[in-house]
Amino acid sequence: MGLSAPSLLTFLLSFVIMLSVLFAKFFGATIPGLTGDTTQFAGLLVAYVILTLGCLIRSL
């Protein structure tokens, strides 16, 4: 299994999701859907999965 760098769009999508979760957690930003600790963890998990899939699948 070969790894490749994710495309710019995949990386930016993952980065924006990660930043929104961090702003909601540490700076008290009110973002719909990211209110509790469980949903914030799920948001970070989604960002990481998107980034991982971007590295594993060349078409993403």
N, C-alpha and C. Protein backbone atom coordinates (compact mmCIF):
# COMPACT_ATOMS: atom_id res chain seq x y z
N MET A 1 0.85 -1.17 0.00
CA MET A 1 0.00 0.00 0.00
C MET A 1 0.90 1.23 0.00
N GLY A 2 0.74 2.04 -1.00
CA GLY A 2 1.54 3.25 -1.10
C GLY A 2 0.79 4.46 -0.57
N LEU A 3 1.52 5.32 0.10
CA LEU A 3 0.93 6.55 0.60
C LEU A 3 1.27 7.69 -0.34
N SER A 4 0.34 8.63 -0.44
CA SER A 4 0.59 9.82 -1.24
C SER A 4 0.15 11.04 -0.46
N ALA A 5 0.62 12.18 -0.86
CA ALA A 5 0.21 13.42 -0.20
C ALA A 5 -1.26 13.70 -0.55
N PRO A 6 -2.03 14.19 0.41
CA PRO A 6 -3.43 14.51 0.10
C PRO A 6 -3.50 15.73 -0.81
N SER A 7 -4.61 15.82 -1.53
CA SER A 7 -4.79 16.99 -2.38
C SER A 7 -5.01 18.22 -1.50
N LEU A 8 -4.88 19.37 -2.09
CA LEU A 8 -5.03 20.62 -1.35
C LEU A 8 -6.44 20.75 -0.78
N LEU A 9 -7.44 20.37 -1.56
CA LEU A 9 -8.83 20.46 -1.10
C LEU A 9 -9.08 19.54 0.10
N THR A 10 -8.55 18.33 0.06
CA THR A 10 -8.71 17.39 1.18
C THR A 10 -8.02 17.92 2.43
N PHE A 11 -6.82 18.43 2.27
CA PHE A 11 -6.09 18.97 3.41
C PHE A 11 -6.82 20.17 4.00
N LEU A 12 -7.29 21.09 3.15
CA LEU A 12 -7.97 22.28 3.65
C LEU A 12 -9.29 21.94 4.34
N LEU A 13 -10.03 20.96 3.80
CA LEU A 13 -11.27 20.53 4.45
C LEU A 13 -10.99 19.98 5.84
N SER A 14 -9.99 19.13 5.95
CA SER A 14 -9.61 18.58 7.24
C SER A 14 -9.14 19.67 8.20
N PHE A 15 -8.38 20.62 7.68
CA PHE A 15 -7.84 21.70 8.50
C PHE A 15 -8.94 22.63 9.01
N VAL A 16 -9.91 22.95 8.16
CA VAL A 16 -11.02 23.82 8.56
C VAL A 16 -11.88 23.14 9.63
N ILE A 17 -12.15 21.86 9.48
CA ILE A 17 -12.92 21.13 10.50
C ILE A 17 -12.16 21.12 11.82
N MET A 18 -10.87 20.87 11.76
CA MET A 18 -10.05 20.84 12.97
C MET A 18 -10.02 22.21 13.65
N LEU A 19 -9.87 23.26 12.87
CA LEU A 19 -9.84 24.60 13.46
C LEU A 19 -11.18 24.98 14.08
N SER A 20 -12.27 24.60 13.44
CA SER A 20 -13.58 24.93 14.01
C SER A 20 -13.80 24.22 15.34
N VAL A 21 -13.35 22.97 15.44
CA VAL A 21 -13.48 22.25 16.71
C VAL A 21 -12.60 22.89 17.78
N LEU A 22 -11.39 23.27 17.43
CA LEU A 22 -10.50 23.89 18.42
C LEU A 22 -11.01 25.25 18.87
N PHE A 23 -11.56 26.04 17.96
CA PHE A 23 -12.15 27.32 18.35
C PHE A 23 -13.35 27.11 19.26
N ALA A 24 -14.16 26.09 18.99
CA ALA A 24 -15.31 25.82 19.84
C ALA A 24 -14.87 25.35 21.23
N LYS A 25 -13.81 24.58 21.28
CA LYS A 25 -13.35 24.01 22.55
C LYS A 25 -12.62 25.04 23.41
N PHE A 26 -11.65 25.73 22.85
CA PHE A 26 -10.77 26.56 23.67
C PHE A 26 -11.13 28.03 23.70
N PHE A 27 -11.83 28.52 22.68
CA PHE A 27 -12.15 29.94 22.64
C PHE A 27 -13.63 30.22 22.85
N GLY A 28 -14.43 29.19 23.07
CA GLY A 28 -15.83 29.36 23.38
C GLY A 28 -16.70 29.79 22.20
N ALA A 29 -16.25 29.54 20.98
CA ALA A 29 -17.05 29.89 19.81
C ALA A 29 -18.29 29.00 19.76
N THR A 30 -19.41 29.56 19.38
CA THR A 30 -20.65 28.78 19.27
C THR A 30 -20.82 28.34 17.82
N ILE A 31 -20.54 27.09 17.58
CA ILE A 31 -20.67 26.51 16.25
C ILE A 31 -21.74 25.42 16.36
N PRO A 32 -22.81 25.53 15.56
CA PRO A 32 -23.88 24.53 15.64
C PRO A 32 -23.34 23.13 15.37
N GLY A 33 -23.71 22.20 16.21
CA GLY A 33 -23.26 20.82 16.06
C GLY A 33 -22.00 20.49 16.82
N LEU A 34 -21.30 21.47 17.35
CA LEU A 34 -20.07 21.22 18.10
C LEU A 34 -20.20 21.78 19.51
N THR A 35 -21.21 21.34 20.23
CA THR A 35 -21.48 21.92 21.54
C THR A 35 -20.88 21.10 22.69
N GLY A 36 -20.95 19.79 22.62
CA GLY A 36 -20.47 18.97 23.73
C GLY A 36 -19.10 18.38 23.46
N ASP A 37 -18.53 17.78 24.50
CA ASP A 37 -17.21 17.16 24.36
C ASP A 37 -17.26 15.98 23.39
N THR A 38 -18.36 15.23 23.40
CA THR A 38 -18.48 14.07 22.52
C THR A 38 -18.54 14.50 21.07
N THR A 39 -19.29 15.53 20.76
CA THR A 39 -19.37 15.98 19.37
C THR A 39 -18.08 16.65 18.92
N GLN A 40 -17.37 17.28 19.84
CA GLN A 40 -16.08 17.86 19.48
C GLN A 40 -15.06 16.76 19.18
N PHE A 41 -15.09 15.69 19.96
CA PHE A 41 -14.21 14.56 19.67
C PHE A 41 -14.57 13.95 18.33
N ALA A 42 -15.85 13.81 18.06
CA ALA A 42 -16.28 13.25 16.78
C ALA A 42 -15.85 14.16 15.63
N GLY A 43 -15.90 15.46 15.82
CA GLY A 43 -15.45 16.39 14.79
C GLY A 43 -13.97 16.23 14.49
N LEU A 44 -13.15 16.10 15.54
CA LEU A 44 -11.72 15.88 15.33
C LEU A 44 -11.46 14.52 14.67
N LEU A 45 -12.26 13.53 15.03
CA LEU A 45 -12.12 12.21 14.42
C LEU A 45 -12.45 12.26 12.94
N VAL A 46 -13.50 12.98 12.59
CA VAL A 46 -13.88 13.13 11.18
C VAL A 46 -12.77 13.83 10.40
N ALA A 47 -12.20 14.89 10.97
CA ALA A 47 -11.10 15.60 10.30
C ALA A 47 -9.91 14.68 10.08
N TYR A 48 -9.59 13.87 11.05
CA TYR A 48 -8.45 12.97 10.92
C TYR A 48 -8.72 11.86 9.91
N VAL A 49 -9.95 11.35 9.89
CA VAL A 49 -10.31 10.30 8.94
C VAL A 49 -10.26 10.84 7.51
N ILE A 50 -10.74 12.08 7.31
CA ILE A 50 -10.68 12.69 5.98
C ILE A 50 -9.22 12.82 5.54
N LEU A 51 -8.37 13.27 6.43
CA LEU A 51 -6.95 13.42 6.09
C LEU A 51 -6.30 12.07 5.83
N THR A 52 -6.64 11.06 6.60
CA THR A 52 -6.08 9.73 6.40
C THR A 52 -6.53 9.14 5.06
N LEU A 53 -7.82 9.29 4.75
CA LEU A 53 -8.31 8.79 3.48
C LEU A 53 -7.66 9.54 2.31
N GLY A 54 -7.41 10.82 2.50
CA GLY A 54 -6.72 11.58 1.45
C GLY A 54 -5.31 11.09 1.21
N CYS A 55 -4.66 10.54 2.23
CA CYS A 55 -3.31 9.99 2.06
C CYS A 55 -3.34 8.59 1.48
N LEU A 56 -4.40 7.84 1.76
CA LEU A 56 -4.46 6.45 1.31
C LEU A 56 -5.04 6.29 -0.08
N ILE A 57 -6.01 7.13 -0.43
CA ILE A 57 -6.68 7.02 -1.72
C ILE A 57 -6.21 8.18 -2.60
N ARG A 58 -5.68 7.87 -3.72
CA ARG A 58 -5.07 8.91 -4.56
C ARG A 58 -6.08 9.84 -5.19
N SER A 59 -7.32 9.41 -5.37
CA SER A 59 -8.29 10.25 -6.07
C SER A 59 -8.95 11.28 -5.15
N LEU A 60 -8.66 11.25 -3.85
CA LEU A 60 -9.27 12.23 -2.93
C LEU A 60 -8.43 13.46 -2.81
